[in-house]
Amino acid sequence: MRKGRPWSLPLEDRVLLVAAYWRTNLTLRRLVPLFGVSKAAADRIVGHLGPALALQPRRRFRKATVLIVDGTPVPTRDRAVAASSKNYRHSTTHQDVIDADSRLAVAVGKPCPATATTAGPGRTPARRPPSAPPPR
């Protein structure tokens, strides 16, 4: 038997809280009124159940595996890590690698300050194909 104070939510609601936190773009402060718990309790729930619900990363892929790389600008409130764009909106670019067959995230990079018009992480200038003549 487990010792200590019992959780304020049943297991099903705790899993739903973690899934809603990961799936939506809501902060814990906006999510906790839906579940009737405090922000601190919700933070403990996400910290406790999050690693248990996360998938283990794959070490290798088959040779025919197709991976999708996506860099998406995400609105961010923290101006210390975000870049300013039009209308004083701040955003960071999140780099994700997704398996095309299962649609599961394979790798997620650290967010970096970038807007839709600036060069993000790992973005290189356009390269010409090997058969194209060199520029004059």
C-alpha atoms as a PDB file:
ATOM      1  CA  MET A   1       0.000   0.000   0.000  1.00  0.00           C
ATOM      2  CA  ARG A   2       1.232   3.463  -0.883  1.00  0.00           C
ATOM      3  CA  LYS A   3       1.968   5.861   1.952  1.00  0.00           C
ATOM      4  CA  GLY A   4       1.384   9.582   1.928  1.00  0.00           C
ATOM      5  CA  ARG A   5      -1.433  11.855   0.969  1.00  0.00           C
ATOM      6  CA  PRO A   6      -3.758  10.483  -1.743  1.00  0.00           C
ATOM      7  CA  TRP A   7      -4.081  12.267  -5.063  1.00  0.00           C
ATOM      8  CA  SER A   8      -6.931  14.770  -5.313  1.00  0.00           C
ATOM      9  CA  LEU A   9      -7.962  13.314  -8.716  1.00  0.00           C
ATOM     10  CA  PRO A  10      -8.545   9.697  -9.729  1.00  0.00           C
ATOM     11  CA  LEU A  11      -6.042   8.138 -12.140  1.00  0.00           C
ATOM     12  CA  GLU A  12      -8.302   8.584 -15.181  1.00  0.00           C
ATOM     13  CA  ASP A  13      -8.616  12.325 -14.560  1.00  0.00           C
ATOM     14  CA  ARG A  14      -4.877  12.665 -13.936  1.00  0.00           C
ATOM     15  CA  VAL A  15      -4.101  10.997 -17.274  1.00  0.00           C
ATOM     16  CA  LEU A  16      -6.673  13.250 -18.951  1.00  0.00           C
ATOM     17  CA  LEU A  17      -5.064  16.316 -17.348  1.00  0.00           C
ATOM     18  CA  VAL A  18      -1.620  15.362 -18.692  1.00  0.00           C
ATOM     19  CA  ALA A  19      -3.040  14.600 -22.158  1.00  0.00           C
ATOM     20  CA  ALA A  20      -4.931  17.902 -22.254  1.00  0.00           C
ATOM     21  CA  TYR A  21      -1.830  19.801 -21.117  1.00  0.00           C
ATOM     22  CA  TRP A  22       0.321  18.213 -23.833  1.00  0.00           C
ATOM     23  CA  ARG A  23      -2.293  18.317 -26.593  1.00  0.00           C
ATOM     24  CA  THR A  24      -3.618  21.858 -26.186  1.00  0.00           C
ATOM     25  CA  ASN A  25      -1.771  25.135 -26.047  1.00  0.00           C
ATOM     26  CA  LEU A  26      -3.212  25.959 -22.623  1.00  0.00           C
ATOM     27  CA  THR A  27      -1.090  26.841 -19.627  1.00  0.00           C
ATOM     28  CA  LEU A  28      -1.655  25.052 -16.330  1.00  0.00           C
ATOM     29  CA  ARG A  29      -3.218  28.208 -14.961  1.00  0.00           C
ATOM     30  CA  ARG A  30      -5.962  28.036 -17.598  1.00  0.00           C
ATOM     31  CA  LEU A  31      -6.309  24.258 -17.446  1.00  0.00           C
ATOM     32  CA  VAL A  32      -6.720  23.740 -13.687  1.00  0.00           C
ATOM     33  CA  PRO A  33     -10.222  25.274 -13.365  1.00  0.00           C
ATOM     34  CA  LEU A  34     -11.495  22.539 -15.708  1.00  0.00           C
ATOM     35  CA  PHE A  35     -10.280  19.849 -13.290  1.00  0.00           C
ATOM     36  CA  GLY A  36     -10.908  21.658  -9.996  1.00  0.00           C
ATOM     37  CA  VAL A  37      -7.360  21.365  -8.606  1.00  0.00           C
ATOM     38  CA  SER A  38      -4.702  23.913  -7.742  1.00  0.00           C
ATOM     39  CA  LYS A  39      -1.882  24.884 -10.084  1.00  0.00           C
ATOM     40  CA  ALA A  40       0.659  23.267  -7.765  1.00  0.00           C
ATOM     41  CA  ALA A  41      -1.292  19.987  -7.730  1.00  0.00           C
ATOM     42  CA  ALA A  42      -1.574  20.021 -11.526  1.00  0.00           C
ATOM     43  CA  ASP A  43       2.158  20.668 -11.822  1.00  0.00           C
ATOM     44  CA  ARG A  44       2.869  17.688  -9.542  1.00  0.00           C
ATOM     45  CA  ILE A  45       0.518  15.509 -11.600  1.00  0.00           C
ATOM     46  CA  VAL A  46       2.199  16.456 -14.895  1.00  0.00           C
ATOM     47  CA  GLY A  47       5.649  15.984 -13.369  1.00  0.00           C
ATOM     48  CA  HIS A  48       4.740  12.588 -11.906  1.00  0.00           C
ATOM     49  CA  LEU A  49       2.700  11.059 -14.758  1.00  0.00           C
ATOM     50  CA  GLY A  50       4.404  12.761 -17.712  1.00  0.00           C
ATOM     51  CA  PRO A  51       7.508  10.543 -17.837  1.00  0.00           C
ATOM     52  CA  ALA A  52       5.384   7.414 -17.359  1.00  0.00           C
ATOM     53  CA  LEU A  53       3.150   8.310 -20.331  1.00  0.00           C
ATOM     54  CA  ALA A  54       5.961   9.387 -22.664  1.00  0.00           C
ATOM     55  CA  LEU A  55       7.148   6.969 -25.318  1.00  0.00           C
ATOM     56  CA  GLN A  56      10.719   5.724 -25.252  1.00  0.00           C
ATOM     57  CA  PRO A  57      12.811   7.097 -28.143  1.00  0.00           C
ATOM     58  CA  ARG A  58      13.803   4.703 -30.900  1.00  0.00           C
ATOM     59  CA  ARG A  59      17.495   4.137 -31.455  1.00  0.00           C
ATOM     60  CA  ARG A  60      17.363   3.041 -35.101  1.00  0.00           C
ATOM     61  CA  PHE A  61      14.946   3.139 -37.992  1.00  0.00           C
ATOM     62  CA  ARG A  62      14.502   0.883 -40.998  1.00  0.00           C
ATOM     63  CA  LYS A  63      16.228   2.013 -44.175  1.00  0.00           C
ATOM     64  CA  ALA A  64      12.912   2.765 -45.888  1.00  0.00           C
ATOM     65  CA  THR A  65      11.572   4.876 -43.017  1.00  0.00           C
ATOM     66  CA  VAL A  66      10.344   8.327 -44.023  1.00  0.00           C
ATOM     67  CA  LEU A  67      10.842  11.064 -41.423  1.00  0.00           C
ATOM     68  CA  ILE A  68       9.198  14.480 -41.608  1.00  0.00           C
ATOM     69  CA  VAL A  69      11.041  17.529 -40.271  1.00  0.00           C
ATOM     70  CA  ASP A  70       8.849  20.454 -39.263  1.00  0.00           C
ATOM     71  CA  GLY A  71       9.793  23.877 -37.957  1.00  0.00           C
ATOM     72  CA  THR A  72       6.757  25.710 -36.658  1.00  0.00           C
ATOM     73  CA  PRO A  73       6.661  29.214 -35.146  1.00  0.00           C
ATOM     74  CA  VAL A  74       4.750  29.071 -31.861  1.00  0.00           C
ATOM     75  CA  PRO A  75       3.436  32.180 -30.052  1.00  0.00           C
ATOM     76  CA  THR A  76       5.361  32.662 -26.814  1.00  0.00           C
ATOM     77  CA  ARG A  77       4.757  34.957 -23.864  1.00  0.00           C
ATOM     78  CA  ASP A  78       8.317  34.848 -22.529  1.00  0.00           C
ATOM     79  CA  ARG A  79      10.114  37.641 -24.371  1.00  0.00           C
ATOM     80  CA  ALA A  80      13.517  36.505 -23.117  1.00  0.00           C
ATOM     81  CA  VAL A  81      13.472  33.434 -25.385  1.00  0.00           C
ATOM     82  CA  ALA A  82      11.290  34.754 -28.226  1.00  0.00           C
ATOM     83  CA  ALA A  83      11.842  36.937 -31.276  1.00  0.00           C
ATOM     84  CA  SER A  84       9.629  39.888 -32.099  1.00  0.00           C
ATOM     85  CA  SER A  85       7.748  39.962 -35.395  1.00  0.00           C
ATOM     86  CA  LYS A  86       4.994  42.122 -36.862  1.00  0.00           C
ATOM     87  CA  ASN A  87       2.559  43.710 -34.418  1.00  0.00           C
ATOM     88  CA  TYR A  88       4.942  43.020 -31.513  1.00  0.00           C
ATOM     89  CA  ARG A  89       4.058  39.335 -31.454  1.00  0.00           C
ATOM     90  CA  HIS A  90       6.759  37.133 -30.003  1.00  0.00           C
ATOM     91  CA  SER A  91       7.373  33.562 -31.109  1.00  0.00           C
ATOM     92  CA  THR A  92       9.841  30.709 -30.975  1.00  0.00           C
ATOM     93  CA  THR A  93      10.479  28.059 -33.596  1.00  0.00           C
ATOM     94  CA  HIS A  94      10.107  24.445 -32.544  1.00  0.00           C
ATOM     95  CA  GLN A  95      11.882  21.810 -34.639  1.00  0.00           C
ATOM     96  CA  ASP A  96      10.169  18.412 -34.663  1.00  0.00           C
ATOM     97  CA  VAL A  97      10.978  15.130 -36.406  1.00  0.00           C
ATOM     98  CA  ILE A  98       7.941  12.912 -37.037  1.00  0.00           C
ATOM     99  CA  ASP A  99       7.703   9.330 -38.304  1.00  0.00           C
ATOM    100  CA  ALA A 100       5.546   9.465 -41.457  1.00  0.00           C
ATOM    101  CA  ASP A 101       3.991   6.013 -40.916  1.00  0.00           C
ATOM    102  CA  SER A 102       2.984   6.183 -37.264  1.00  0.00           C
ATOM    103  CA  ARG A 103       2.680  10.011 -37.019  1.00  0.00           C
ATOM    104  CA  LEU A 104       4.569   9.899 -33.711  1.00  0.00           C
ATOM    105  CA  ALA A 105       7.165  12.482 -32.727  1.00  0.00           C
ATOM    106  CA  VAL A 106      10.650  10.998 -32.948  1.00  0.00           C
ATOM    107  CA  ALA A 107      12.662  13.992 -31.729  1.00  0.00           C
ATOM    108  CA  VAL A 108      11.843  17.453 -30.467  1.00  0.00           C
ATOM    109  CA  GLY A 109      14.437  20.214 -30.490  1.00  0.00           C
ATOM    110  CA  LYS A 110      14.843  23.068 -28.085  1.00  0.00           C
ATOM    111  CA  PRO A 111      12.831  26.158 -29.012  1.00  0.00           C
ATOM    112  CA  CYS A 112      14.848  29.018 -30.433  1.00  0.00           C
ATOM    113  CA  PRO A 113      13.864  32.618 -31.126  1.00  0.00           C
ATOM    114  CA  ALA A 114      12.710  32.938 -34.725  1.00  0.00           C
ATOM    115  CA  THR A 115       9.787  34.213 -36.734  1.00  0.00           C
ATOM    116  CA  ALA A 116       8.213  32.896 -39.913  1.00  0.00           C
ATOM    117  CA  THR A 117      10.428  35.143 -42.050  1.00  0.00           C
ATOM    118  CA  THR A 118      13.766  34.608 -40.324  1.00  0.00           C
ATOM    119  CA  ALA A 119      16.109  31.678 -40.687  1.00  0.00           C
ATOM    120  CA  GLY A 120      15.430  29.154 -37.956  1.00  0.00           C
ATOM    121  CA  PRO A 121      17.694  26.529 -36.461  1.00  0.00           C
ATOM    122  CA  GLY A 122      19.356  24.200 -38.927  1.00  0.00           C
ATOM    123  CA  ARG A 123      18.011  26.133 -41.891  1.00  0.00           C
ATOM    124  CA  THR A 124      20.649  26.562 -44.550  1.00  0.00           C
ATOM    125  CA  PRO A 125      20.632  28.649 -47.709  1.00  0.00           C
ATOM    126  CA  ALA A 126      19.030  27.032 -50.736  1.00  0.00           C
ATOM    127  CA  ARG A 127      21.432  24.694 -52.490  1.00  0.00           C
ATOM    128  CA  ARG A 128      21.490  24.104 -56.195  1.00  0.00           C
ATOM    129  CA  PRO A 129      21.085  20.561 -57.500  1.00  0.00           C
ATOM    130  CA  PRO A 130      24.335  18.880 -58.640  1.00  0.00           C
ATOM    131  CA  SER A 131      23.216  18.927 -62.278  1.00  0.00           C
ATOM    132  CA  ALA A 132      22.534  22.671 -62.311  1.00  0.00           C
ATOM    133  CA  PRO A 133      25.201  24.978 -63.703  1.00  0.00           C
ATOM    134  CA  PRO A 134      27.051  27.163 -61.185  1.00  0.00           C
ATOM    135  CA  PRO A 135      25.757  30.749 -60.779  1.00  0.00           C
ATOM    136  CA  ARG A 136      27.550  33.435 -62.834  1.00  0.00           C
END
